[in-house]
Structure formats: C-alpha cells, structure tokens
Amino acid sequence: MRTVQRTVEGTAVRDVAAIGAAMVAVGASFGAVAVAAGLPGWAAVVMSVLVYAGGAQFMAVGLVATGSPLAAVLAGLLLNARHLPFGLALADSIGRPLWRRLLGSHLMTDEATAFALARPAGGARRRAFWLAGTLLFLAWNVGTVLGVLAGGVVGDPAAFGLDAAFPAGLIALLLPALRDRDTRRVALAGAVLAVLATPLLPAGLPVLLALAGPAVLAVAAVRRGRRAAKGGSRTPNAPVAGGGTVAGTAAEPPGGVGEPVRAGERTPPRGGSVPVGQTGEGSC
C-alpha cells in the first residue's frame, strides 16, 4: 500500500512540476512586462505575492500604466469571480480552520482546482490541492523575480507558445472526468456558451456564463422527470371490440360495487349493458 501511495504522489509531483515550469516562464514575462510598463520591481514582486492572480495581473499592469487604477481593481474582481464556484467545490478539501480557508483561497488557481478535482474526494484531493497550490505559488513568484531581474529579455510568452501551456494542462487534467456522459454534456454546453459569448462580453464574463450550462441541463432533467412521473401515474384500461375495456392492474367494478375486476377481464361499457354474444354465455 505504501508503495502504491508513493507512486501516486510521485506522479502528482511530476504533473505539477510540468505545469510549474510553464508558470515560471509566464511569471518571468509578467515581471518583465511590469518593469517595462514603469512599475517598480519591488511592486511587481509584492503584487505577485499578495494578489497572485495570473492574467488579472497583466491586465492590472496595463490599466495602471494608462492611469486607471480603479479600473484595474474592478477588472481584476470581474476576471477572478470564477473563484466563487471553485471555492464551493473545494471547501471540504481546503479544511475548516479559518487560517486554512484564508490561505487556501489565496492559493486557489485554475490549475490547482483542476488538479485537485481530478482526484477522488477525501485525503487524496486535499493533498493534491495543497501540493499544487503551494508549488504553483512558488513557481509564479520565482518567475516574477527572474523577470524583474532580466528586464525585457524574456519578452512575450506567446512567442514561445507558452500561453497555450495552461489550457493544455487543464484539458489533460479534466479528461478523466469526461468519461461520464452527463459530465460531457454539461462541459459541452458550458463550452459552447462561453465560446459564443466571448466576442460579445468583457473578459471574465464568458467563464461565468458557462456555469449556465449545468443549470440548463439540470432544469431540462427535472422537467423530463416530472413528465415521466405524470405519465407513469396514468394506467388507463385498454379498449377492446364491442365498446368494453380490458382492465389493467386495477379498475372499477362492473356495477360500481362488488368484486374488483381481475387483470384481463372485460368490463362493460358505460351504461351498464353488455352486447349479446360478448358475455361468454348464450342468449335465452
């Protein structure tokens, strides 16, 4: 058992290290961009330690450089509003003490969340979250320091294809969860909504709108369940030749009072009379 656990943990460290390598490069790019935009080196490092918001930091540096610090704050809040559902999904994995919740919410990123949710609930998920959150936080800040020291040497990470490293890593982490049919439908609905809304809405809102995908499918499932329940509660008797009916599991007795009709037995039509020749007896 210990050998298996060590193997799993070793694999987890390897996976996080692969994403962390890309995060070092992107963090270095942020440090270089911040210095180039006129932000002091120490301010870029402090922002990475205290804010730790990835893409929102790039946006904030651009807005601060144009003289709009308030817009930078509002844009950062909007872009990172997706952490609200992340927190709900990982609340049990982070822990109940207040200091754990505060620290865990600070270390929470897209990559750490996907890495944790790819593990089964319980101790494995909790260890995965704290491992990914801690290592990625260190990787981002080490990269920021390197970028501040290197200045403009690092350049744009998109030129090296590093901007695609994070989406690729997230997709790889989420693939095992897509084996379930309902999960695939929810993910597809959310992705379609986000893609359609991207040209129309500001950054951050399409991701929040994608949460409507699970909501739409849930409402549709509830409606189907209600229709199925209503249809299953009706068991009408099947009509037969002569105007009578064949009783199902239960029916009214022929005269309104008396023995219940057995399954397969014919009942007379409304009005009480039975056509001659359909009673099973000859006429007098």
Protein backbone atom coordinates (compact mmCIF):
# COMPACT_ATOMS: atom_id res chain seq x y z
CA MET A 1 0.00 0.00 0.00
CA ARG A 2 2.77 2.44 0.86
CA THR A 3 4.50 1.67 -2.43
CA VAL A 4 1.32 2.47 -4.38
CA GLN A 5 0.78 5.69 -2.41
CA ARG A 6 4.36 6.81 -3.03
CA THR A 7 3.96 6.10 -6.75
CA VAL A 8 0.76 8.17 -6.91
CA GLU A 9 2.33 11.06 -5.01
CA GLY A 10 5.42 10.89 -7.23
CA THR A 11 3.21 11.11 -10.30
CA ALA A 12 1.37 14.07 -8.80
CA VAL A 13 4.63 15.94 -8.12
CA ARG A 14 5.75 15.26 -11.70
CA ASP A 15 2.49 16.60 -13.16
CA VAL A 16 2.55 19.72 -11.01
CA ALA A 17 6.21 20.31 -11.87
CA ALA A 18 5.37 20.23 -15.59
CA ILE A 19 2.76 22.95 -15.15
CA GLY A 20 5.01 24.82 -12.75
CA ALA A 21 7.76 25.05 -15.37
CA ALA A 22 5.40 26.89 -17.70
CA MET A 23 4.26 29.08 -14.81
CA VAL A 24 7.85 30.14 -14.10
CA ALA A 25 8.20 31.31 -17.68
CA VAL A 26 4.90 33.20 -17.68
CA GLY A 27 5.71 34.72 -14.27
CA ALA A 28 9.04 35.90 -15.65
CA SER A 29 7.18 37.50 -18.54
CA PHE A 30 4.92 39.32 -16.09
CA GLY A 31 7.90 40.66 -14.15
CA ALA A 32 9.49 41.92 -17.35
CA VAL A 33 6.25 43.49 -18.62
CA ALA A 34 5.63 45.19 -15.28
CA VAL A 35 9.08 46.75 -15.22
CA ALA A 36 8.76 47.81 -18.86
CA ALA A 37 5.42 49.49 -18.06
CA GLY A 38 7.10 51.63 -15.41
CA LEU A 39 6.13 49.62 -12.33
CA PRO A 40 8.93 49.35 -9.74
CA GLY A 41 10.45 45.90 -9.46
CA TRP A 42 9.52 45.57 -5.81
CA ALA A 43 5.89 46.45 -6.63
CA ALA A 44 5.71 43.66 -9.22
CA VAL A 45 7.04 41.15 -6.69
CA VAL A 46 4.64 42.35 -3.98
CA MET A 47 1.73 42.10 -6.41
CA SER A 48 2.64 38.51 -7.26
CA VAL A 49 2.86 37.58 -3.58
CA LEU A 50 -0.27 39.37 -2.33
CA VAL A 51 -2.54 39.34 -5.39
CA TYR A 52 -1.38 36.17 -7.17
CA ALA A 53 -3.95 36.45 -9.95
CA GLY A 54 -2.09 35.50 -13.13
CA GLY A 55 -3.89 37.03 -16.09
CA ALA A 56 -5.51 39.68 -13.92
CA GLN A 57 -2.04 40.96 -13.03
CA PHE A 58 -1.17 41.51 -16.70
CA MET A 59 -4.45 43.40 -17.12
CA ALA A 60 -3.83 45.44 -13.98
CA VAL A 61 -0.36 46.49 -15.11
CA GLY A 62 -1.74 47.69 -18.44
CA LEU A 63 -4.55 49.66 -16.81
CA VAL A 64 -2.30 51.17 -14.15
CA ALA A 65 0.13 52.26 -16.86
CA THR A 66 -2.72 54.14 -18.56
CA GLY A 67 -3.63 55.86 -15.29
CA SER A 68 -6.72 53.81 -14.37
CA PRO A 69 -6.00 52.04 -11.06
CA LEU A 70 -9.69 51.81 -10.13
CA ALA A 71 -10.46 50.12 -13.44
CA ALA A 72 -7.62 47.69 -12.72
CA VAL A 73 -9.21 46.70 -9.41
CA LEU A 74 -12.68 46.26 -10.90
CA ALA A 75 -11.34 44.29 -13.87
CA GLY A 76 -9.40 42.01 -11.52
CA LEU A 77 -12.51 41.32 -9.43
CA LEU A 78 -14.54 40.55 -12.53
CA LEU A 79 -11.90 38.33 -14.08
CA ASN A 80 -11.44 36.32 -10.89
CA ALA A 81 -15.12 35.97 -9.97
CA ARG A 82 -14.86 32.38 -11.24
CA HIS A 83 -13.13 31.53 -7.95
CA LEU A 84 -16.52 31.62 -6.22
CA PRO A 85 -17.63 28.25 -7.65
CA PHE A 86 -14.06 26.97 -7.22
CA GLY A 87 -14.31 27.69 -3.50
CA LEU A 88 -17.65 25.89 -3.22
CA ALA A 89 -16.24 22.82 -4.95
CA LEU A 90 -13.09 22.69 -2.80
CA ALA A 91 -14.46 23.82 0.57
CA ASP A 92 -14.19 20.36 2.14
CA SER A 93 -10.73 19.75 0.69
CA ILE A 94 -9.28 23.01 1.99
CA GLY A 95 -10.28 22.38 5.60
CA ARG A 96 -12.44 24.01 8.26
CA PRO A 97 -9.97 26.13 10.30
CA LEU A 98 -10.13 29.80 9.34
CA TRP A 99 -6.43 30.06 8.55
CA ARG A 100 -6.70 27.12 6.14
CA ARG A 101 -9.63 28.72 4.35
CA LEU A 102 -7.85 32.06 4.02
CA LEU A 103 -4.61 30.50 2.81
CA GLY A 104 -6.38 28.03 0.54
CA SER A 105 -8.45 30.76 -1.11
CA HIS A 106 -5.24 32.67 -1.81
CA LEU A 107 -3.51 29.64 -3.37
CA MET A 108 -6.58 28.69 -5.43
CA THR A 109 -5.98 28.86 -9.18
CA ASP A 110 -7.49 27.23 -12.25
CA GLU A 111 -4.65 24.70 -12.36
CA ALA A 112 -4.74 23.85 -8.66
CA THR A 113 -8.51 23.43 -8.76
CA ALA A 114 -8.44 21.16 -11.81
CA PHE A 115 -5.57 19.15 -10.35
CA ALA A 116 -7.44 18.62 -7.08
CA LEU A 117 -10.82 17.79 -8.63
CA ALA A 118 -9.15 15.15 -10.80
CA ARG A 119 -8.53 13.16 -7.58
CA PRO A 120 -11.18 11.32 -5.55
CA ALA A 121 -12.76 13.23 -2.67
CA GLY A 122 -11.08 12.90 0.70
CA GLY A 123 -7.44 12.83 1.66
CA ALA A 124 -6.18 12.39 -1.91
CA ARG A 125 -7.95 15.52 -3.10
CA ARG A 126 -6.85 17.53 -0.09
CA ARG A 127 -3.18 16.56 -0.57
CA ALA A 128 -3.40 17.26 -4.31
CA PHE A 129 -4.79 20.75 -3.75
CA TRP A 130 -2.19 21.81 -1.20
CA LEU A 131 0.64 20.29 -3.25
CA ALA A 132 -0.43 22.02 -6.45
CA GLY A 133 -1.35 25.28 -4.75
CA THR A 134 1.96 25.60 -2.90
CA LEU A 135 4.26 24.58 -5.76
CA LEU A 136 2.49 26.75 -8.34
CA PHE A 137 2.53 29.75 -6.00
CA LEU A 138 6.29 29.34 -5.56
CA ALA A 139 6.78 28.87 -9.31
CA TRP A 140 4.87 32.05 -10.16
CA ASN A 141 6.79 34.18 -7.69
CA VAL A 142 10.17 32.76 -8.64
CA GLY A 143 9.32 33.56 -12.24
CA THR A 144 8.31 37.10 -11.32
CA VAL A 145 11.62 37.73 -9.58
CA LEU A 146 13.54 36.36 -12.56
CA GLY A 147 11.52 38.57 -14.91
CA VAL A 148 12.19 41.68 -12.83
CA LEU A 149 15.91 40.92 -12.81
CA ALA A 150 16.04 40.05 -16.51
CA GLY A 151 14.06 43.09 -17.60
CA GLY A 152 12.85 42.87 -21.19
CA VAL A 153 14.93 39.81 -22.08
CA VAL A 154 12.07 37.36 -21.52
CA GLY A 155 9.64 39.03 -23.93
CA ASP A 156 6.18 37.86 -24.83
CA PRO A 157 5.42 34.25 -23.72
CA ALA A 158 3.04 33.86 -26.67
CA ALA A 159 6.05 33.99 -29.00
CA PHE A 160 7.25 30.71 -27.49
CA GLY A 161 3.82 29.11 -27.32
CA LEU A 162 3.81 29.22 -23.53
CA ASP A 163 0.37 30.85 -23.48
CA ALA A 164 -1.06 27.51 -24.64
CA ALA A 165 0.61 25.53 -21.86
CA PHE A 166 -2.06 26.27 -19.25
CA PRO A 167 -5.11 25.38 -21.37
CA ALA A 168 -3.38 22.20 -22.49
CA GLY A 169 -2.59 21.26 -18.89
CA LEU A 170 -6.17 21.94 -17.78
CA ILE A 171 -7.60 19.80 -20.58
CA ALA A 172 -5.26 16.94 -19.67
CA LEU A 173 -6.36 17.12 -16.03
CA LEU A 174 -10.07 17.20 -16.90
CA LEU A 175 -10.08 14.39 -19.48
CA PRO A 176 -10.69 11.56 -16.94
CA ALA A 177 -13.84 13.30 -15.69
CA LEU A 178 -15.28 13.44 -19.22
CA ARG A 179 -15.77 9.68 -19.33
CA ASP A 180 -19.17 10.18 -17.75
CA ARG A 181 -21.89 11.01 -20.32
CA ASP A 182 -23.70 13.60 -18.16
CA THR A 183 -20.40 15.33 -17.37
CA ARG A 184 -19.57 15.51 -21.08
CA ARG A 185 -22.95 17.08 -21.83
CA VAL A 186 -22.52 19.68 -19.08
CA ALA A 187 -18.97 20.52 -20.19
CA LEU A 188 -20.02 20.81 -23.83
CA ALA A 189 -22.98 23.07 -23.00
CA GLY A 190 -20.80 25.35 -20.88
CA ALA A 191 -18.05 25.48 -23.51
CA VAL A 192 -20.50 26.40 -26.27
CA LEU A 193 -21.98 29.21 -24.16
CA ALA A 194 -18.53 30.58 -23.30
CA VAL A 195 -17.31 30.49 -26.91
CA LEU A 196 -20.44 32.21 -28.23
CA ALA A 197 -20.27 34.90 -25.54
CA THR A 198 -16.54 35.65 -25.84
CA PRO A 199 -16.84 38.17 -28.72
CA LEU A 200 -19.75 39.91 -27.01
CA LEU A 201 -18.84 40.17 -23.32
CA PRO A 202 -15.85 41.53 -21.37
CA ALA A 203 -13.12 39.16 -20.21
CA GLY A 204 -14.24 37.01 -17.30
CA LEU A 205 -17.97 37.07 -18.00
CA PRO A 206 -17.98 34.23 -20.58
CA VAL A 207 -16.47 31.91 -17.96
CA LEU A 208 -19.22 32.81 -15.52
CA LEU A 209 -21.84 32.40 -18.22
CA ALA A 210 -20.52 28.89 -18.85
CA LEU A 211 -21.91 27.96 -15.44
CA ALA A 212 -25.36 28.27 -17.01
CA GLY A 213 -24.62 25.10 -18.98
CA PRO A 214 -25.09 22.78 -15.99
CA ALA A 215 -28.10 24.85 -14.88
CA VAL A 216 -29.86 24.48 -18.25
CA LEU A 217 -29.27 20.73 -18.33
CA ALA A 218 -30.44 20.38 -14.72
CA VAL A 219 -33.70 22.19 -15.47
CA ALA A 220 -34.26 20.02 -18.54
CA ALA A 221 -33.64 16.87 -16.49
CA VAL A 222 -36.13 17.98 -13.82
CA ARG A 223 -38.79 18.65 -16.46
CA ARG A 224 -38.25 15.25 -18.05
CA GLY A 225 -38.55 13.62 -14.65
CA ARG A 226 -41.83 15.38 -13.96
CA ARG A 227 -43.27 14.37 -17.32
CA ALA A 228 -42.20 10.77 -16.74
CA ALA A 229 -43.80 10.78 -13.28
CA LYS A 230 -47.08 12.12 -14.65
CA GLY A 231 -47.11 9.59 -17.47
CA GLY A 232 -46.33 6.69 -15.14
CA SER A 233 -49.19 7.54 -12.78
CA ARG A 234 -51.79 7.03 -15.52
CA THR A 235 -52.78 3.39 -16.25
CA PRO A 236 -55.87 3.63 -18.49
CA ASN A 237 -57.73 0.49 -19.44
CA ALA A 238 -57.15 -0.69 -22.99
CA PRO A 239 -60.24 -0.66 -25.27
CA VAL A 240 -61.47 -3.88 -26.86
CA ALA A 241 -64.02 -4.69 -29.53
CA GLY A 242 -67.62 -4.08 -28.54
CA GLY A 243 -67.01 -0.93 -26.54
CA GLY A 244 -65.66 -2.66 -23.40
CA THR A 245 -62.19 -2.35 -21.89
CA VAL A 246 -59.55 -4.71 -20.59
CA ALA A 247 -58.62 -3.80 -17.04
CA GLY A 248 -55.02 -3.13 -16.16
CA THR A 249 -53.71 -3.57 -12.67
CA ALA A 250 -56.87 -2.15 -11.14
CA ALA A 251 -60.25 -0.88 -12.33
CA GLU A 252 -63.70 -0.05 -11.08
CA PRO A 253 -66.03 -2.98 -10.50
CA PRO A 254 -68.72 -3.51 -13.19
CA GLY A 255 -71.59 -2.23 -11.11
CA GLY A 256 -69.67 0.29 -9.10
CA VAL A 257 -69.90 -2.01 -6.03
CA GLY A 258 -68.72 -5.55 -5.65
CA GLU A 259 -65.65 -7.55 -6.51
CA PRO A 260 -62.70 -5.85 -8.19
CA VAL A 261 -62.08 -6.69 -11.80
CA ARG A 262 -59.27 -9.13 -12.36
CA ALA A 263 -56.50 -8.49 -14.89
CA GLY A 264 -57.59 -9.46 -18.41
CA GLU A 265 -61.31 -9.49 -17.59
CA ARG A 266 -63.60 -7.46 -19.81
CA THR A 267 -65.66 -4.69 -18.32
CA PRO A 268 -68.93 -3.44 -19.78
CA PRO A 269 -69.08 -0.06 -21.47
CA ARG A 270 -70.51 2.93 -19.69
CA GLY A 271 -74.26 2.47 -19.40
CA GLY A 272 -74.28 -0.97 -17.83
CA SER A 273 -75.41 -3.10 -20.81
CA VAL A 274 -73.28 -5.77 -22.40
CA PRO A 275 -73.74 -6.60 -26.10
CA VAL A 276 -75.15 -10.07 -26.73
CA GLY A 277 -72.51 -12.57 -27.61
CA GLN A 278 -69.74 -10.87 -25.64
CA THR A 279 -70.56 -12.18 -22.18
CA GLY A 280 -69.29 -15.68 -22.75
CA GLU A 281 -72.88 -17.07 -22.36
CA GLY A 282 -75.55 -17.90 -24.96
CA SER A 283 -78.73 -15.84 -25.17
CA CYS A 284 -82.01 -17.27 -24.00
